[in-house]
Protein backbone atom coordinates (compact mmCIF):
# COMPACT_ATOMS: atom_id res chain seq x y z
CA UNK A 1 0.00 0.00 0.00
CA UNK A 2 2.80 2.40 0.95
CA UNK A 3 4.62 1.61 -2.32
CA UNK A 4 1.50 2.44 -4.30
CA UNK A 5 1.10 5.78 -2.52
CA UNK A 6 4.77 6.68 -3.06
CA UNK A 7 4.52 5.72 -6.75
CA UNK A 8 1.44 7.92 -7.18
CA UNK A 9 3.21 10.84 -5.52
CA UNK A 10 6.24 10.42 -7.79
CA UNK A 11 4.06 10.33 -10.91
CA UNK A 12 2.19 13.45 -9.77
CA UNK A 13 5.46 15.25 -9.02
CA UNK A 14 6.86 14.34 -12.43
CA UNK A 15 3.72 15.50 -14.29
CA UNK A 16 3.39 18.79 -12.44
CA UNK A 17 7.07 19.72 -12.48
CA UNK A 18 8.28 18.12 -15.69
CA UNK A 19 8.21 21.42 -17.62
CA UNK A 20 10.09 23.21 -14.87
CA UNK A 21 12.75 20.48 -14.86
CA UNK A 22 13.18 20.87 -18.60
CA UNK A 23 13.58 24.63 -18.23
CA UNK A 24 16.35 24.28 -15.69
CA UNK A 25 18.11 21.75 -17.88
CA UNK A 26 18.63 24.32 -20.63
CA UNK A 27 22.23 24.92 -21.55
CA UNK A 28 23.99 28.16 -20.59
CA UNK A 29 23.85 29.13 -24.28
CA UNK A 30 20.05 28.75 -24.34
CA UNK A 31 19.71 30.79 -21.15
CA UNK A 32 21.92 33.52 -22.62
CA UNK A 33 19.77 33.59 -25.77
CA UNK A 34 16.58 33.92 -23.72
CA UNK A 35 18.06 36.74 -21.66
CA UNK A 36 19.22 38.51 -24.83
CA UNK A 37 15.79 38.19 -26.45
CA UNK A 38 14.06 39.39 -23.29
CA UNK A 39 16.31 42.43 -23.21
CA UNK A 40 15.53 43.12 -26.86
CA UNK A 41 11.79 42.87 -26.19
CA UNK A 42 12.08 45.38 -23.34
CA UNK A 43 14.10 47.74 -25.54
CA UNK A 44 11.59 47.53 -28.40
CA UNK A 45 8.67 48.12 -26.05
CA UNK A 46 10.38 51.26 -24.77
CA UNK A 47 11.08 52.46 -28.33
CA UNK A 48 7.49 51.72 -29.33
CA UNK A 49 6.17 53.75 -26.39
CA UNK A 50 8.41 56.65 -27.40
CA UNK A 51 7.23 56.40 -30.99
CA UNK A 52 3.59 56.39 -29.94
CA UNK A 53 4.19 59.62 -28.03
CA UNK A 54 5.77 61.07 -31.20
CA UNK A 55 2.64 60.08 -33.13
CA UNK A 56 0.46 61.72 -30.49
CA UNK A 57 2.43 64.96 -30.92
CA UNK A 58 2.10 64.77 -34.72
CA UNK A 59 -1.64 64.14 -34.36
CA UNK A 60 -2.04 67.20 -32.13
CA UNK A 61 -0.08 69.34 -34.60
CA UNK A 62 -2.21 68.17 -37.53
CA UNK A 63 -5.38 68.86 -35.55
CA UNK A 64 -4.17 72.39 -34.90
CA UNK A 65 -3.16 72.99 -38.52
CA UNK A 66 -6.15 71.42 -40.28
CA UNK A 67 -8.98 72.16 -37.84
CA UNK A 68 -11.38 69.38 -38.74
CA UNK A 69 -10.67 69.24 -42.47
CA UNK A 70 -9.35 65.68 -42.14
CA UNK A 71 -9.98 62.74 -39.84
CA UNK A 72 -7.07 61.59 -37.67
CA UNK A 73 -6.77 58.20 -36.02
CA UNK A 74 -3.91 56.44 -34.27
CA UNK A 75 -4.19 52.68 -34.66
CA UNK A 76 -2.01 49.62 -35.25
CA UNK A 77 -1.19 50.76 -38.79
CA UNK A 78 0.22 54.04 -37.50
CA UNK A 79 -1.16 57.57 -37.73
CA UNK A 80 -3.97 57.55 -40.30
CA UNK A 81 -4.84 60.86 -41.99
CA UNK A 82 -8.17 60.42 -43.79
CA UNK A 83 -9.24 62.85 -46.49
CA UNK A 84 -12.77 62.59 -47.87
CA UNK A 85 -12.82 62.26 -51.62
CA UNK A 86 -14.78 65.50 -52.13
CA UNK A 87 -11.94 67.46 -50.51
CA UNK A 88 -9.46 66.15 -53.06
CA UNK A 89 -11.43 65.27 -56.20
CA UNK A 90 -14.52 65.93 -58.26
CA UNK A 91 -16.92 62.99 -58.53
CA UNK A 92 -15.45 60.16 -60.59
CA UNK A 93 -12.22 62.07 -61.19
CA UNK A 94 -8.62 61.48 -60.07
CA UNK A 95 -7.18 64.95 -60.70
CA UNK A 96 -6.54 66.77 -57.42
CA UNK A 97 -8.59 69.96 -57.07
CA UNK A 98 -6.70 73.20 -56.51
CA UNK A 99 -8.79 73.80 -53.40
CA UNK A 100 -7.10 70.75 -51.87
CA UNK A 101 -3.57 72.10 -52.29
CA UNK A 102 -3.49 74.05 -48.99
CA UNK A 103 -4.66 70.97 -47.07
CA UNK A 104 -1.99 68.75 -48.62
CA UNK A 105 0.65 71.45 -48.13
CA UNK A 106 -0.04 71.56 -44.39
CA UNK A 107 0.15 67.77 -44.15
CA UNK A 108 3.46 67.83 -46.02
CA UNK A 109 4.91 70.48 -43.70
CA UNK A 110 4.01 68.50 -40.57
CA UNK A 111 5.44 65.29 -42.06
CA UNK A 112 8.68 67.08 -42.97
CA UNK A 113 8.98 68.72 -39.56
CA UNK A 114 7.99 65.79 -37.34
CA UNK A 115 8.04 62.54 -39.37
CA UNK A 116 10.75 63.03 -41.97
CA UNK A 117 12.30 59.61 -41.31
CA UNK A 118 9.02 57.67 -41.35
CA UNK A 119 7.64 55.64 -44.23
CA UNK A 120 4.30 56.76 -45.63
CA UNK A 121 1.50 54.68 -47.16
CA UNK A 122 -1.09 56.29 -49.45
CA UNK A 123 -4.32 54.32 -49.87
CA UNK A 124 -7.23 55.04 -52.20
CA UNK A 125 -10.74 53.81 -51.36
CA UNK A 126 -14.19 54.09 -52.95
CA UNK A 127 -17.77 53.07 -52.26
CA UNK A 128 -19.32 50.04 -53.98
CA UNK A 129 -21.35 51.89 -56.60
CA UNK A 130 -20.31 50.54 -60.03
CA UNK A 131 -18.61 53.04 -62.33
CA UNK A 132 -20.71 53.92 -65.39
CA UNK A 133 -19.73 57.25 -66.89
CA UNK A 134 -16.31 58.33 -65.60
CA UNK A 135 -14.21 56.29 -68.01
CA UNK A 136 -12.56 54.08 -65.39
CA UNK A 137 -12.93 50.34 -65.79
CA UNK A 138 -13.44 49.75 -62.06
CA UNK A 139 -13.46 51.42 -58.67
CA UNK A 140 -10.09 49.83 -57.97
CA UNK A 141 -8.53 51.62 -60.93
CA UNK A 142 -10.05 54.93 -59.86
CA UNK A 143 -8.82 54.49 -56.28
CA UNK A 144 -5.34 53.55 -57.52
CA UNK A 145 -5.15 56.61 -59.77
CA UNK A 146 -6.21 58.86 -56.90
CA UNK A 147 -3.60 57.38 -54.55
CA UNK A 148 -0.93 57.77 -57.23
CA UNK A 149 -1.84 61.42 -57.86
CA UNK A 150 -1.60 62.20 -54.15
CA UNK A 151 1.79 60.46 -54.19
CA UNK A 152 2.98 62.62 -57.09
CA UNK A 153 1.85 65.77 -55.30
CA UNK A 154 3.66 64.82 -52.09
CA UNK A 155 6.84 64.09 -54.05
CA UNK A 156 6.88 66.70 -56.82
CA UNK A 157 5.33 69.62 -54.98
CA UNK A 158 6.07 68.67 -51.40
CA UNK A 159 9.54 67.28 -51.88
CA UNK A 160 9.00 64.14 -49.82
CA UNK A 161 11.42 61.26 -50.40
CA UNK A 162 9.77 58.92 -52.96
CA UNK A 163 11.64 55.90 -51.57
CA UNK A 164 9.66 56.29 -48.34
CA UNK A 165 6.24 56.40 -50.02
CA UNK A 166 4.06 53.54 -51.27
CA UNK A 167 0.62 53.59 -52.89
CA UNK A 168 -2.29 51.17 -53.04
CA UNK A 169 -5.80 51.30 -54.49
CA UNK A 170 -8.36 49.15 -52.68
CA UNK A 171 -11.50 50.23 -54.49
CA UNK A 172 -14.61 49.26 -52.53
CA UNK A 173 -13.03 46.34 -50.71
CA UNK A 174 -12.03 47.99 -47.42
CA UNK A 175 -15.08 49.99 -46.34
CA UNK A 176 -15.19 51.74 -42.98
CA UNK A 177 -18.96 52.22 -43.06
CA UNK A 178 -22.03 50.60 -44.59
CA UNK A 179 -22.53 51.15 -48.30
CA UNK A 180 -26.29 50.88 -47.79
CA UNK A 181 -26.63 54.59 -47.00
CA UNK A 182 -25.45 57.78 -48.71
CA UNK A 183 -23.67 58.82 -45.52
CA UNK A 184 -21.84 55.49 -45.31
CA UNK A 185 -20.82 55.60 -48.96
CA UNK A 186 -19.45 59.12 -48.48
CA UNK A 187 -17.25 57.88 -45.62
CA UNK A 188 -15.93 55.04 -47.76
CA UNK A 189 -14.84 57.38 -50.57
CA UNK A 190 -11.54 58.53 -49.16
CA UNK A 191 -7.76 58.69 -49.41
CA UNK A 192 -5.72 57.69 -46.36
CA UNK A 193 -2.20 58.95 -45.80
CA UNK A 194 -0.69 56.62 -43.21
CA UNK A 195 2.47 57.51 -41.30
CA UNK A 196 3.84 54.05 -40.65
CA UNK A 197 5.48 53.01 -37.36
CA UNK A 198 9.09 51.92 -37.26
CA UNK A 199 8.32 49.67 -34.28
CA UNK A 200 4.92 48.06 -34.97
CA UNK A 201 3.16 46.17 -32.21
CA UNK A 202 3.14 42.95 -34.23
CA UNK A 203 6.95 42.86 -34.45
CA UNK A 204 7.27 43.30 -30.70
CA UNK A 205 4.72 40.53 -30.05
CA UNK A 206 6.49 38.16 -32.46
CA UNK A 207 9.82 38.70 -30.72
CA UNK A 208 8.16 38.23 -27.33
CA UNK A 209 6.63 34.96 -28.53
CA UNK A 210 10.04 33.80 -29.76
CA UNK A 211 11.40 34.44 -26.27
CA UNK A 212 8.76 32.16 -24.74
CA UNK A 213 9.35 29.46 -27.36
CA UNK A 214 13.07 29.50 -26.61
C-alpha atoms as a PDB file:
ATOM      1  CA  UNK A   1       0.000   0.000   0.000  1.00  0.00           C
ATOM      2  CA  UNK A   2       2.798   2.397   0.949  1.00  0.00           C
ATOM      3  CA  UNK A   3       4.624   1.614  -2.318  1.00  0.00           C
ATOM      4  CA  UNK A   4       1.503   2.441  -4.303  1.00  0.00           C
ATOM      5  CA  UNK A   5       1.103   5.781  -2.515  1.00  0.00           C
ATOM      6  CA  UNK A   6       4.770   6.683  -3.065  1.00  0.00           C
ATOM      7  CA  UNK A   7       4.519   5.717  -6.747  1.00  0.00           C
ATOM      8  CA  UNK A   8       1.443   7.922  -7.182  1.00  0.00           C
ATOM      9  CA  UNK A   9       3.206  10.840  -5.524  1.00  0.00           C
ATOM     10  CA  UNK A  10       6.244  10.419  -7.789  1.00  0.00           C
ATOM     11  CA  UNK A  11       4.057  10.329 -10.912  1.00  0.00           C
ATOM     12  CA  UNK A  12       2.186  13.450  -9.775  1.00  0.00           C
ATOM     13  CA  UNK A  13       5.460  15.245  -9.016  1.00  0.00           C
ATOM     14  CA  UNK A  14       6.860  14.344 -12.428  1.00  0.00           C
ATOM     15  CA  UNK A  15       3.724  15.497 -14.287  1.00  0.00           C
ATOM     16  CA  UNK A  16       3.386  18.790 -12.437  1.00  0.00           C
ATOM     17  CA  UNK A  17       7.073  19.719 -12.479  1.00  0.00           C
ATOM     18  CA  UNK A  18       8.283  18.125 -15.687  1.00  0.00           C
ATOM     19  CA  UNK A  19       8.206  21.423 -17.616  1.00  0.00           C
ATOM     20  CA  UNK A  20      10.093  23.206 -14.869  1.00  0.00           C
ATOM     21  CA  UNK A  21      12.750  20.479 -14.857  1.00  0.00           C
ATOM     22  CA  UNK A  22      13.182  20.875 -18.603  1.00  0.00           C
ATOM     23  CA  UNK A  23      13.581  24.630 -18.234  1.00  0.00           C
ATOM     24  CA  UNK A  24      16.349  24.285 -15.688  1.00  0.00           C
ATOM     25  CA  UNK A  25      18.106  21.751 -17.880  1.00  0.00           C
ATOM     26  CA  UNK A  26      18.626  24.316 -20.633  1.00  0.00           C
ATOM     27  CA  UNK A  27      22.235  24.922 -21.553  1.00  0.00           C
ATOM     28  CA  UNK A  28      23.986  28.162 -20.593  1.00  0.00           C
ATOM     29  CA  UNK A  29      23.854  29.130 -24.284  1.00  0.00           C
ATOM     30  CA  UNK A  30      20.051  28.750 -24.336  1.00  0.00           C
ATOM     31  CA  UNK A  31      19.714  30.793 -21.154  1.00  0.00           C
ATOM     32  CA  UNK A  32      21.918  33.523 -22.618  1.00  0.00           C
ATOM     33  CA  UNK A  33      19.771  33.588 -25.767  1.00  0.00           C
ATOM     34  CA  UNK A  34      16.585  33.918 -23.716  1.00  0.00           C
ATOM     35  CA  UNK A  35      18.064  36.741 -21.664  1.00  0.00           C
ATOM     36  CA  UNK A  36      19.215  38.508 -24.826  1.00  0.00           C
ATOM     37  CA  UNK A  37      15.787  38.194 -26.454  1.00  0.00           C
ATOM     38  CA  UNK A  38      14.062  39.387 -23.286  1.00  0.00           C
ATOM     39  CA  UNK A  39      16.312  42.429 -23.208  1.00  0.00           C
ATOM     40  CA  UNK A  40      15.528  43.125 -26.864  1.00  0.00           C
ATOM     41  CA  UNK A  41      11.786  42.871 -26.192  1.00  0.00           C
ATOM     42  CA  UNK A  42      12.080  45.380 -23.344  1.00  0.00           C
ATOM     43  CA  UNK A  43      14.098  47.745 -25.541  1.00  0.00           C
ATOM     44  CA  UNK A  44      11.594  47.528 -28.400  1.00  0.00           C
ATOM     45  CA  UNK A  45       8.670  48.124 -26.046  1.00  0.00           C
ATOM     46  CA  UNK A  46      10.382  51.261 -24.774  1.00  0.00           C
ATOM     47  CA  UNK A  47      11.078  52.460 -28.327  1.00  0.00           C
ATOM     48  CA  UNK A  48       7.485  51.719 -29.325  1.00  0.00           C
ATOM     49  CA  UNK A  49       6.168  53.750 -26.386  1.00  0.00           C
ATOM     50  CA  UNK A  50       8.407  56.650 -27.396  1.00  0.00           C
ATOM     51  CA  UNK A  51       7.234  56.405 -30.994  1.00  0.00           C
ATOM     52  CA  UNK A  52       3.594  56.390 -29.938  1.00  0.00           C
ATOM     53  CA  UNK A  53       4.194  59.618 -28.033  1.00  0.00           C
ATOM     54  CA  UNK A  54       5.773  61.069 -31.199  1.00  0.00           C
ATOM     55  CA  UNK A  55       2.642  60.084 -33.126  1.00  0.00           C
ATOM     56  CA  UNK A  56       0.455  61.717 -30.492  1.00  0.00           C
ATOM     57  CA  UNK A  57       2.427  64.958 -30.922  1.00  0.00           C
ATOM     58  CA  UNK A  58       2.104  64.769 -34.721  1.00  0.00           C
ATOM     59  CA  UNK A  59      -1.641  64.144 -34.360  1.00  0.00           C
ATOM     60  CA  UNK A  60      -2.039  67.196 -32.130  1.00  0.00           C
ATOM     61  CA  UNK A  61      -0.081  69.338 -34.602  1.00  0.00           C
ATOM     62  CA  UNK A  62      -2.209  68.173 -37.531  1.00  0.00           C
ATOM     63  CA  UNK A  63      -5.382  68.857 -35.545  1.00  0.00           C
ATOM     64  CA  UNK A  64      -4.173  72.392 -34.900  1.00  0.00           C
ATOM     65  CA  UNK A  65      -3.158  72.985 -38.523  1.00  0.00           C
ATOM     66  CA  UNK A  66      -6.153  71.425 -40.275  1.00  0.00           C
ATOM     67  CA  UNK A  67      -8.984  72.160 -37.838  1.00  0.00           C
ATOM     68  CA  UNK A  68     -11.378  69.376 -38.739  1.00  0.00           C
ATOM     69  CA  UNK A  69     -10.671  69.239 -42.472  1.00  0.00           C
ATOM     70  CA  UNK A  70      -9.349  65.681 -42.139  1.00  0.00           C
ATOM     71  CA  UNK A  71      -9.975  62.743 -39.838  1.00  0.00           C
ATOM     72  CA  UNK A  72      -7.070  61.588 -37.667  1.00  0.00           C
ATOM     73  CA  UNK A  73      -6.771  58.199 -36.021  1.00  0.00           C
ATOM     74  CA  UNK A  74      -3.911  56.441 -34.268  1.00  0.00           C
ATOM     75  CA  UNK A  75      -4.192  52.677 -34.662  1.00  0.00           C
ATOM     76  CA  UNK A  76      -2.006  49.616 -35.248  1.00  0.00           C
ATOM     77  CA  UNK A  77      -1.186  50.762 -38.790  1.00  0.00           C
ATOM     78  CA  UNK A  78       0.224  54.041 -37.500  1.00  0.00           C
ATOM     79  CA  UNK A  79      -1.158  57.569 -37.730  1.00  0.00           C
ATOM     80  CA  UNK A  80      -3.966  57.546 -40.303  1.00  0.00           C
ATOM     81  CA  UNK A  81      -4.838  60.864 -41.990  1.00  0.00           C
ATOM     82  CA  UNK A  82      -8.167  60.417 -43.787  1.00  0.00           C
ATOM     83  CA  UNK A  83      -9.236  62.855 -46.489  1.00  0.00           C
ATOM     84  CA  UNK A  84     -12.771  62.590 -47.866  1.00  0.00           C
ATOM     85  CA  UNK A  85     -12.824  62.256 -51.623  1.00  0.00           C
ATOM     86  CA  UNK A  86     -14.783  65.503 -52.126  1.00  0.00           C
ATOM     87  CA  UNK A  87     -11.943  67.462 -50.509  1.00  0.00           C
ATOM     88  CA  UNK A  88      -9.459  66.152 -53.064  1.00  0.00           C
ATOM     89  CA  UNK A  89     -11.430  65.273 -56.203  1.00  0.00           C
ATOM     90  CA  UNK A  90     -14.520  65.930 -58.256  1.00  0.00           C
ATOM     91  CA  UNK A  91     -16.917  62.991 -58.529  1.00  0.00           C
ATOM     92  CA  UNK A  92     -15.454  60.163 -60.587  1.00  0.00           C
ATOM     93  CA  UNK A  93     -12.220  62.072 -61.191  1.00  0.00           C
ATOM     94  CA  UNK A  94      -8.623  61.477 -60.071  1.00  0.00           C
ATOM     95  CA  UNK A  95      -7.177  64.946 -60.702  1.00  0.00           C
ATOM     96  CA  UNK A  96      -6.539  66.772 -57.424  1.00  0.00           C
ATOM     97  CA  UNK A  97      -8.595  69.959 -57.074  1.00  0.00           C
ATOM     98  CA  UNK A  98      -6.695  73.196 -56.513  1.00  0.00           C
ATOM     99  CA  UNK A  99      -8.791  73.805 -53.397  1.00  0.00           C
ATOM    100  CA  UNK A 100      -7.099  70.754 -51.875  1.00  0.00           C
ATOM    101  CA  UNK A 101      -3.571  72.097 -52.289  1.00  0.00           C
ATOM    102  CA  UNK A 102      -3.494  74.052 -48.987  1.00  0.00           C
ATOM    103  CA  UNK A 103      -4.664  70.971 -47.069  1.00  0.00           C
ATOM    104  CA  UNK A 104      -1.993  68.754 -48.619  1.00  0.00           C
ATOM    105  CA  UNK A 105       0.648  71.450 -48.126  1.00  0.00           C
ATOM    106  CA  UNK A 106      -0.041  71.562 -44.386  1.00  0.00           C
ATOM    107  CA  UNK A 107       0.146  67.771 -44.151  1.00  0.00           C
ATOM    108  CA  UNK A 108       3.460  67.834 -46.024  1.00  0.00           C
ATOM    109  CA  UNK A 109       4.905  70.476 -43.698  1.00  0.00           C
ATOM    110  CA  UNK A 110       4.015  68.500 -40.574  1.00  0.00           C
ATOM    111  CA  UNK A 111       5.440  65.293 -42.059  1.00  0.00           C
ATOM    112  CA  UNK A 112       8.677  67.082 -42.966  1.00  0.00           C
ATOM    113  CA  UNK A 113       8.978  68.718 -39.556  1.00  0.00           C
ATOM    114  CA  UNK A 114       7.994  65.793 -37.344  1.00  0.00           C
ATOM    115  CA  UNK A 115       8.039  62.543 -39.365  1.00  0.00           C
ATOM    116  CA  UNK A 116      10.747  63.025 -41.966  1.00  0.00           C
ATOM    117  CA  UNK A 117      12.297  59.612 -41.306  1.00  0.00           C
ATOM    118  CA  UNK A 118       9.024  57.666 -41.350  1.00  0.00           C
ATOM    119  CA  UNK A 119       7.638  55.638 -44.229  1.00  0.00           C
ATOM    120  CA  UNK A 120       4.301  56.756 -45.633  1.00  0.00           C
ATOM    121  CA  UNK A 121       1.500  54.680 -47.159  1.00  0.00           C
ATOM    122  CA  UNK A 122      -1.093  56.287 -49.448  1.00  0.00           C
ATOM    123  CA  UNK A 123      -4.324  54.320 -49.871  1.00  0.00           C
ATOM    124  CA  UNK A 124      -7.232  55.035 -52.201  1.00  0.00           C
ATOM    125  CA  UNK A 125     -10.745  53.805 -51.364  1.00  0.00           C
ATOM    126  CA  UNK A 126     -14.194  54.087 -52.954  1.00  0.00           C
ATOM    127  CA  UNK A 127     -17.767  53.070 -52.261  1.00  0.00           C
ATOM    128  CA  UNK A 128     -19.321  50.040 -53.979  1.00  0.00           C
ATOM    129  CA  UNK A 129     -21.352  51.893 -56.604  1.00  0.00           C
ATOM    130  CA  UNK A 130     -20.311  50.540 -60.029  1.00  0.00           C
ATOM    131  CA  UNK A 131     -18.606  53.041 -62.331  1.00  0.00           C
ATOM    132  CA  UNK A 132     -20.709  53.923 -65.389  1.00  0.00           C
ATOM    133  CA  UNK A 133     -19.733  57.252 -66.886  1.00  0.00           C
ATOM    134  CA  UNK A 134     -16.313  58.327 -65.600  1.00  0.00           C
ATOM    135  CA  UNK A 135     -14.207  56.293 -68.010  1.00  0.00           C
ATOM    136  CA  UNK A 136     -12.558  54.084 -65.386  1.00  0.00           C
ATOM    137  CA  UNK A 137     -12.929  50.341 -65.787  1.00  0.00           C
ATOM    138  CA  UNK A 138     -13.439  49.748 -62.064  1.00  0.00           C
ATOM    139  CA  UNK A 139     -13.460  51.418 -58.672  1.00  0.00           C
ATOM    140  CA  UNK A 140     -10.092  49.830 -57.966  1.00  0.00           C
ATOM    141  CA  UNK A 141      -8.533  51.618 -60.927  1.00  0.00           C
ATOM    142  CA  UNK A 142     -10.048  54.928 -59.858  1.00  0.00           C
ATOM    143  CA  UNK A 143      -8.820  54.488 -56.276  1.00  0.00           C
ATOM    144  CA  UNK A 144      -5.341  53.554 -57.517  1.00  0.00           C
ATOM    145  CA  UNK A 145      -5.150  56.611 -59.769  1.00  0.00           C
ATOM    146  CA  UNK A 146      -6.213  58.858 -56.896  1.00  0.00           C
ATOM    147  CA  UNK A 147      -3.597  57.381 -54.555  1.00  0.00           C
ATOM    148  CA  UNK A 148      -0.931  57.775 -57.227  1.00  0.00           C
ATOM    149  CA  UNK A 149      -1.838  61.417 -57.863  1.00  0.00           C
ATOM    150  CA  UNK A 150      -1.596  62.199 -54.151  1.00  0.00           C
ATOM    151  CA  UNK A 151       1.791  60.461 -54.189  1.00  0.00           C
ATOM    152  CA  UNK A 152       2.980  62.619 -57.093  1.00  0.00           C
ATOM    153  CA  UNK A 153       1.850  65.772 -55.302  1.00  0.00           C
ATOM    154  CA  UNK A 154       3.659  64.820 -52.089  1.00  0.00           C
ATOM    155  CA  UNK A 155       6.843  64.094 -54.051  1.00  0.00           C
ATOM    156  CA  UNK A 156       6.883  66.697 -56.823  1.00  0.00           C
ATOM    157  CA  UNK A 157       5.334  69.620 -54.981  1.00  0.00           C
ATOM    158  CA  UNK A 158       6.068  68.673 -51.398  1.00  0.00           C
ATOM    159  CA  UNK A 159       9.543  67.282 -51.883  1.00  0.00           C
ATOM    160  CA  UNK A 160       9.000  64.137 -49.820  1.00  0.00           C
ATOM    161  CA  UNK A 161      11.423  61.259 -50.399  1.00  0.00           C
ATOM    162  CA  UNK A 162       9.769  58.918 -52.961  1.00  0.00           C
ATOM    163  CA  UNK A 163      11.639  55.903 -51.571  1.00  0.00           C
ATOM    164  CA  UNK A 164       9.658  56.287 -48.340  1.00  0.00           C
ATOM    165  CA  UNK A 165       6.236  56.401 -50.020  1.00  0.00           C
ATOM    166  CA  UNK A 166       4.064  53.544 -51.269  1.00  0.00           C
ATOM    167  CA  UNK A 167       0.617  53.586 -52.890  1.00  0.00           C
ATOM    168  CA  UNK A 168      -2.288  51.168 -53.039  1.00  0.00           C
ATOM    169  CA  UNK A 169      -5.799  51.304 -54.487  1.00  0.00           C
ATOM    170  CA  UNK A 170      -8.358  49.150 -52.683  1.00  0.00           C
ATOM    171  CA  UNK A 171     -11.497  50.230 -54.488  1.00  0.00           C
ATOM    172  CA  UNK A 172     -14.615  49.263 -52.531  1.00  0.00           C
ATOM    173  CA  UNK A 173     -13.028  46.338 -50.713  1.00  0.00           C
ATOM    174  CA  UNK A 174     -12.029  47.991 -47.418  1.00  0.00           C
ATOM    175  CA  UNK A 175     -15.080  49.986 -46.339  1.00  0.00           C
ATOM    176  CA  UNK A 176     -15.188  51.740 -42.984  1.00  0.00           C
ATOM    177  CA  UNK A 177     -18.963  52.216 -43.062  1.00  0.00           C
ATOM    178  CA  UNK A 178     -22.034  50.603 -44.589  1.00  0.00           C
ATOM    179  CA  UNK A 179     -22.529  51.155 -48.303  1.00  0.00           C
ATOM    180  CA  UNK A 180     -26.288  50.881 -47.787  1.00  0.00           C
ATOM    181  CA  UNK A 181     -26.632  54.592 -46.996  1.00  0.00           C
ATOM    182  CA  UNK A 182     -25.449  57.780 -48.713  1.00  0.00           C
ATOM    183  CA  UNK A 183     -23.669  58.821 -45.521  1.00  0.00           C
ATOM    184  CA  UNK A 184     -21.842  55.495 -45.307  1.00  0.00           C
ATOM    185  CA  UNK A 185     -20.815  55.598 -48.956  1.00  0.00           C
ATOM    186  CA  UNK A 186     -19.452  59.123 -48.477  1.00  0.00           C
ATOM    187  CA  UNK A 187     -17.246  57.882 -45.621  1.00  0.00           C
ATOM    188  CA  UNK A 188     -15.926  55.044 -47.762  1.00  0.00           C
ATOM    189  CA  UNK A 189     -14.842  57.382 -50.571  1.00  0.00           C
ATOM    190  CA  UNK A 190     -11.538  58.531 -49.164  1.00  0.00           C
ATOM    191  CA  UNK A 191      -7.756  58.689 -49.407  1.00  0.00           C
ATOM    192  CA  UNK A 192      -5.718  57.689 -46.362  1.00  0.00           C
ATOM    193  CA  UNK A 193      -2.196  58.955 -45.798  1.00  0.00           C
ATOM    194  CA  UNK A 194      -0.688  56.620 -43.206  1.00  0.00           C
ATOM    195  CA  UNK A 195       2.468  57.510 -41.297  1.00  0.00           C
ATOM    196  CA  UNK A 196       3.837  54.047 -40.646  1.00  0.00           C
ATOM    197  CA  UNK A 197       5.482  53.006 -37.363  1.00  0.00           C
ATOM    198  CA  UNK A 198       9.093  51.920 -37.255  1.00  0.00           C
ATOM    199  CA  UNK A 199       8.322  49.671 -34.280  1.00  0.00           C
ATOM    200  CA  UNK A 200       4.922  48.061 -34.971  1.00  0.00           C
ATOM    201  CA  UNK A 201       3.160  46.172 -32.206  1.00  0.00           C
ATOM    202  CA  UNK A 202       3.142  42.954 -34.232  1.00  0.00           C
ATOM    203  CA  UNK A 203       6.950  42.860 -34.446  1.00  0.00           C
ATOM    204  CA  UNK A 204       7.271  43.302 -30.696  1.00  0.00           C
ATOM    205  CA  UNK A 205       4.724  40.533 -30.053  1.00  0.00           C
ATOM    206  CA  UNK A 206       6.492  38.157 -32.465  1.00  0.00           C
ATOM    207  CA  UNK A 207       9.825  38.704 -30.724  1.00  0.00           C
ATOM    208  CA  UNK A 208       8.165  38.234 -27.334  1.00  0.00           C
ATOM    209  CA  UNK A 209       6.632  34.965 -28.535  1.00  0.00           C
ATOM    210  CA  UNK A 210      10.041  33.797 -29.762  1.00  0.00           C
ATOM    211  CA  UNK A 211      11.399  34.436 -26.271  1.00  0.00           C
ATOM    212  CA  UNK A 212       8.761  32.157 -24.742  1.00  0.00           C
ATOM    213  CA  UNK A 213       9.353  29.462 -27.356  1.00  0.00           C
ATOM    214  CA  UNK A 214      13.068  29.497 -26.612  1.00  0.00           C
END
